[in-house]
Amino acid sequence: MRTPFRTLIAEAVTPDGEALTLTLEGGHHVVRVRNELLMSSRVSGSEEALARLALGEPVIHRDMRVLVGGLGMGFTLRAVLEAVGSDARVDVLELLAPVVDWNRGPLAAHAGQPLADPRVTVIVRDVLAHLEESDQGYDAIILDIDNGPEAFTVKANDRLYQPTGLATLHAALRRGGVMVLWSAFRSPPFEKRLRGAGFDVDCQTVRSRGAVRKGARHTVYRARRLLA
């Protein structure tokens, strides 16, 4: 099979010193770490499913505070903005500053320039570091960070999925609040840790090309903080 011709658009380095590249391949933008695919503008179904599972549809939510962890190419953020009201506040936590820059530049058009929305605040920081210092509760936390709870591009992301990290996430949600997490695959040990942290948990399989039910199968965990 022919490999699409790659045009290098930009390159950077992760906090672990790994090569991060943005390329144009067959008309689609692709971000790679260590030359391994991290995200592509060709598919957005599972990213959009995160917002749908956290916020529901087609109800328009008002007075909401939402955290999106992991900017990606902005598809999840765009879906969130379409689901919440004009007075909502959406914090976007992204560890990799180049990803933010690329979303304001060559990637901006893919999701309709969501970073330009006045409801959005971009914070270039680790999600847990932010939550450990924040006293604001969130109605929804949407996490698309790394490859899920077991395979990591940035080693520090592991602590997000461990008991202490899950306890921080639980405390950051208002009662009845919902957290959804993207994973490349299902992880029963992680499901057990979620329940141990006080969440009511279910998981769903979504497709990377959601609208046409095609593409790779991914797992989305939906964890609700109980009212009690």
Protein backbone atom coordinates (compact mmCIF):
# COMPACT_ATOMS: atom_id res chain seq x y z
CA MET A 1 0.00 0.00 0.00
CA ARG A 2 1.34 3.43 -0.90
CA THR A 3 2.19 5.72 1.98
CA PRO A 4 0.71 9.23 1.54
CA PHE A 5 3.31 11.86 0.83
CA ARG A 6 4.12 13.83 3.98
CA THR A 7 4.79 17.54 4.07
CA LEU A 8 6.27 18.76 7.33
CA ILE A 9 4.36 21.83 8.59
CA ALA A 10 5.87 22.25 12.05
CA GLU A 11 7.82 20.36 14.69
CA ALA A 12 8.39 20.62 18.44
CA VAL A 13 9.43 18.56 21.46
CA THR A 14 7.26 17.06 24.24
CA PRO A 15 8.13 17.53 27.94
CA ASP A 16 9.75 14.07 27.77
CA GLY A 17 12.01 15.20 24.93
CA GLU A 18 10.17 13.27 22.21
CA ALA A 19 9.75 14.61 18.69
CA LEU A 20 6.32 16.12 17.98
CA THR A 21 5.44 16.84 14.34
CA LEU A 22 2.58 18.34 12.37
CA THR A 23 2.39 17.11 8.78
CA LEU A 24 0.05 17.33 5.82
CA GLU A 25 -0.73 13.89 4.37
CA GLY A 26 -3.17 13.29 1.55
CA GLY A 27 -4.93 16.57 2.30
CA HIS A 28 -5.26 15.84 6.03
CA HIS A 29 -3.28 17.23 8.96
CA VAL A 30 -1.61 14.65 11.18
CA VAL A 31 0.18 15.04 14.53
CA ARG A 32 2.73 12.41 15.50
CA VAL A 33 4.89 11.71 18.54
CA ARG A 34 8.01 9.61 17.92
CA ASN A 35 6.62 9.24 14.39
CA GLU A 36 3.57 7.44 15.84
CA LEU A 37 0.09 8.73 14.98
CA LEU A 38 -1.42 10.84 17.77
CA MET A 39 -4.28 12.59 15.96
CA SER A 40 -5.58 13.26 12.46
CA SER A 41 -8.02 15.74 10.96
CA ARG A 42 -9.42 12.87 8.92
CA VAL A 43 -11.39 11.44 11.86
CA SER A 44 -13.33 13.16 14.63
CA GLY A 45 -16.21 10.86 15.56
CA SER A 46 -14.93 9.61 18.90
CA GLU A 47 -13.82 13.11 19.93
CA GLU A 48 -17.29 14.51 19.25
CA ALA A 49 -18.84 11.57 21.12
CA LEU A 50 -17.05 12.72 24.28
CA ALA A 51 -19.05 15.95 24.37
CA ARG A 52 -22.30 14.18 23.52
CA LEU A 53 -21.88 11.65 26.33
CA ALA A 54 -20.92 14.34 28.85
CA LEU A 55 -23.56 16.92 27.98
CA GLY A 56 -26.29 15.02 26.16
CA GLU A 57 -28.15 16.13 23.07
CA PRO A 58 -30.00 18.13 21.86
CA VAL A 59 -30.54 19.99 25.16
CA ILE A 60 -28.81 23.36 25.40
CA HIS A 61 -27.19 23.67 28.82
CA ARG A 62 -26.84 27.05 30.52
CA ASP A 63 -24.72 28.42 33.35
CA MET A 64 -22.29 25.56 32.95
CA ARG A 65 -18.63 25.25 33.78
CA VAL A 66 -16.84 22.65 31.68
CA LEU A 67 -13.23 21.47 31.60
CA VAL A 68 -11.82 19.97 28.41
CA GLY A 69 -8.53 18.21 29.02
CA GLY A 70 -6.59 17.70 25.81
CA LEU A 71 -7.24 20.10 22.95
CA GLY A 72 -6.45 17.74 20.09
CA MET A 73 -7.61 19.37 16.88
CA GLY A 74 -10.51 21.14 18.55
CA PHE A 75 -13.31 18.74 17.56
CA THR A 76 -14.38 17.97 21.13
CA LEU A 77 -14.22 21.64 22.07
CA ARG A 78 -16.40 22.59 19.11
CA ALA A 79 -19.00 19.99 20.11
CA VAL A 80 -18.99 21.32 23.69
CA LEU A 81 -19.52 24.90 22.53
CA GLU A 82 -22.49 23.82 20.43
CA ALA A 83 -24.10 22.11 23.45
CA VAL A 84 -23.73 24.81 26.12
CA GLY A 85 -25.31 28.23 26.48
CA SER A 86 -23.87 31.65 25.80
CA ASP A 87 -23.07 32.15 29.49
CA ALA A 88 -21.11 28.92 29.91
CA ARG A 89 -17.41 28.88 30.74
CA VAL A 90 -15.13 26.31 29.15
CA ASP A 91 -11.57 25.81 30.39
CA VAL A 92 -9.26 24.00 27.97
CA LEU A 93 -6.23 22.37 29.58
CA GLU A 94 -3.47 21.44 27.14
CA LEU A 95 -0.01 20.32 28.22
CA LEU A 96 1.68 20.90 24.85
CA ALA A 97 1.93 24.58 23.95
CA PRO A 98 2.71 23.81 20.27
CA VAL A 99 -0.66 22.04 19.95
CA VAL A 100 -2.37 25.26 21.07
CA ASP A 101 -0.33 27.30 18.59
CA TRP A 102 -1.16 24.91 15.76
CA ASN A 103 -4.88 25.10 16.63
CA ARG A 104 -4.66 28.87 16.26
CA GLY A 105 -2.83 28.48 12.97
CA PRO A 106 -2.91 25.66 10.38
CA LEU A 107 -5.47 23.53 12.29
CA ALA A 108 -7.91 26.33 13.13
CA ALA A 109 -10.34 25.76 10.26
CA HIS A 110 -10.96 22.06 10.93
CA ALA A 111 -13.21 22.69 13.95
CA GLY A 112 -14.32 26.20 13.04
CA GLN A 113 -11.76 28.11 15.15
CA PRO A 114 -13.18 27.19 18.58
CA LEU A 115 -10.33 28.91 20.44
CA ALA A 116 -11.67 32.25 19.21
CA ASP A 117 -14.91 31.73 21.14
CA PRO A 118 -15.13 34.19 24.10
CA ARG A 119 -16.46 31.41 26.36
CA VAL A 120 -13.13 29.58 26.10
CA THR A 121 -10.11 29.99 28.38
CA VAL A 122 -6.95 28.15 27.32
CA ILE A 123 -4.56 27.04 30.05
CA VAL A 124 -1.26 25.46 29.02
CA ARG A 125 -0.76 23.20 32.01
CA ASP A 126 -1.15 19.70 33.39
CA VAL A 127 -4.81 18.98 34.25
CA LEU A 128 -4.13 17.69 37.76
CA ALA A 129 -1.83 20.59 38.61
CA HIS A 130 -4.64 22.95 37.64
CA LEU A 131 -7.30 21.08 39.59
CA GLU A 132 -5.15 20.79 42.71
CA GLU A 133 -5.05 24.59 42.89
CA SER A 134 -8.55 25.38 41.66
CA ASP A 135 -11.48 25.89 44.03
CA GLN A 136 -14.06 25.98 41.24
CA GLY A 137 -16.35 23.00 40.67
CA TYR A 138 -17.10 21.72 37.18
CA ASP A 139 -20.38 20.36 35.85
CA ALA A 140 -18.49 18.27 33.29
CA ILE A 141 -14.89 17.18 32.82
CA ILE A 142 -13.99 15.81 29.40
CA LEU A 143 -10.62 14.13 29.06
CA ASP A 144 -8.93 13.11 25.82
CA ILE A 145 -5.41 12.86 27.17
CA ASP A 146 -2.82 10.54 25.68
CA ASN A 147 -3.99 7.07 24.62
CA GLY A 148 -6.03 6.30 27.71
CA PRO A 149 -5.26 4.81 31.12
CA GLU A 150 -2.43 2.48 30.13
CA ALA A 151 -0.46 3.66 27.08
CA PHE A 152 1.28 7.00 27.45
CA THR A 153 2.91 9.47 25.10
CA VAL A 154 3.89 11.67 28.07
CA LYS A 155 4.87 9.57 31.12
CA ALA A 156 3.53 12.10 33.65
CA ASN A 157 -0.01 11.47 32.34
CA ASP A 158 -0.06 8.14 34.19
CA ARG A 159 -0.87 9.80 37.52
CA LEU A 160 -4.12 11.17 36.12
CA TYR A 161 -5.50 7.62 35.94
CA GLN A 162 -4.26 6.42 39.34
CA PRO A 163 -6.32 6.53 42.59
CA THR A 164 -4.91 9.88 43.75
CA GLY A 165 -5.57 11.48 40.36
CA LEU A 166 -9.09 10.08 40.19
CA ALA A 167 -9.77 11.40 43.70
CA THR A 168 -8.73 14.88 42.53
CA LEU A 169 -11.03 14.61 39.51
CA HIS A 170 -13.90 13.42 41.70
CA ALA A 171 -13.47 16.38 44.05
CA ALA A 172 -13.39 18.81 41.12
CA LEU A 173 -16.89 17.81 39.98
CA ARG A 174 -20.03 19.31 41.40
CA ARG A 175 -22.50 16.77 42.79
CA GLY A 176 -24.11 14.93 39.93
CA GLY A 177 -21.36 16.13 37.61
CA VAL A 178 -20.08 13.90 34.80
CA MET A 179 -16.59 13.02 33.67
CA VAL A 180 -15.94 11.30 30.35
CA LEU A 181 -12.59 9.86 29.34
CA TRP A 182 -11.37 8.65 25.94
CA SER A 183 -9.31 5.48 25.68
CA ALA A 184 -7.88 3.60 22.75
CA PHE A 185 -9.11 0.38 24.36
CA ARG A 186 -11.07 -0.95 27.35
CA SER A 187 -9.25 -1.40 30.66
CA PRO A 188 -11.07 -3.41 33.38
CA PRO A 189 -8.47 -2.46 36.05
CA PHE A 190 -9.13 1.21 35.30
CA GLU A 191 -12.88 0.70 35.57
CA LYS A 192 -12.31 -0.79 39.03
CA ARG A 193 -10.23 2.25 40.04
CA LEU A 194 -12.99 4.59 38.84
CA ARG A 195 -15.58 2.83 40.98
CA GLY A 196 -13.17 2.84 43.91
CA ALA A 197 -12.90 6.62 43.56
CA GLY A 198 -16.67 7.01 44.05
CA PHE A 199 -17.95 7.13 40.47
CA ASP A 200 -20.92 5.40 38.91
CA VAL A 201 -19.35 4.09 35.69
CA ASP A 202 -20.40 2.85 32.29
CA CYS A 203 -18.42 2.59 29.09
CA GLN A 204 -19.31 2.73 25.43
CA THR A 205 -17.61 1.81 22.20
CA VAL A 206 -17.48 4.62 19.65
CA ARG A 207 -16.14 4.79 16.11
CA SER A 208 -13.47 7.21 14.94
CA ARG A 209 -15.69 8.14 12.00
CA GLY A 210 -18.84 8.33 14.09
CA ALA A 211 -21.31 9.77 11.58
CA VAL A 212 -20.84 6.84 9.21
CA ARG A 213 -20.12 4.22 11.91
CA LYS A 214 -16.76 3.40 10.41
CA GLY A 215 -13.15 3.57 11.50
CA ALA A 216 -11.33 2.28 14.56
CA ARG A 217 -13.28 1.38 17.69
CA HIS A 218 -12.45 3.39 20.80
CA THR A 219 -13.73 3.28 24.37
CA VAL A 220 -15.35 6.19 26.20
CA TYR A 221 -15.81 5.96 29.96
CA ARG A 222 -18.68 7.93 31.46
CA ALA A 223 -18.25 8.44 35.20
CA ARG A 224 -20.83 10.32 37.23
CA ARG A 225 -20.19 11.73 40.68
CA LEU A 226 -22.99 10.45 42.87
CA LEU A 227 -25.33 12.95 44.54
CA ALA A 228 -24.75 11.55 48.03
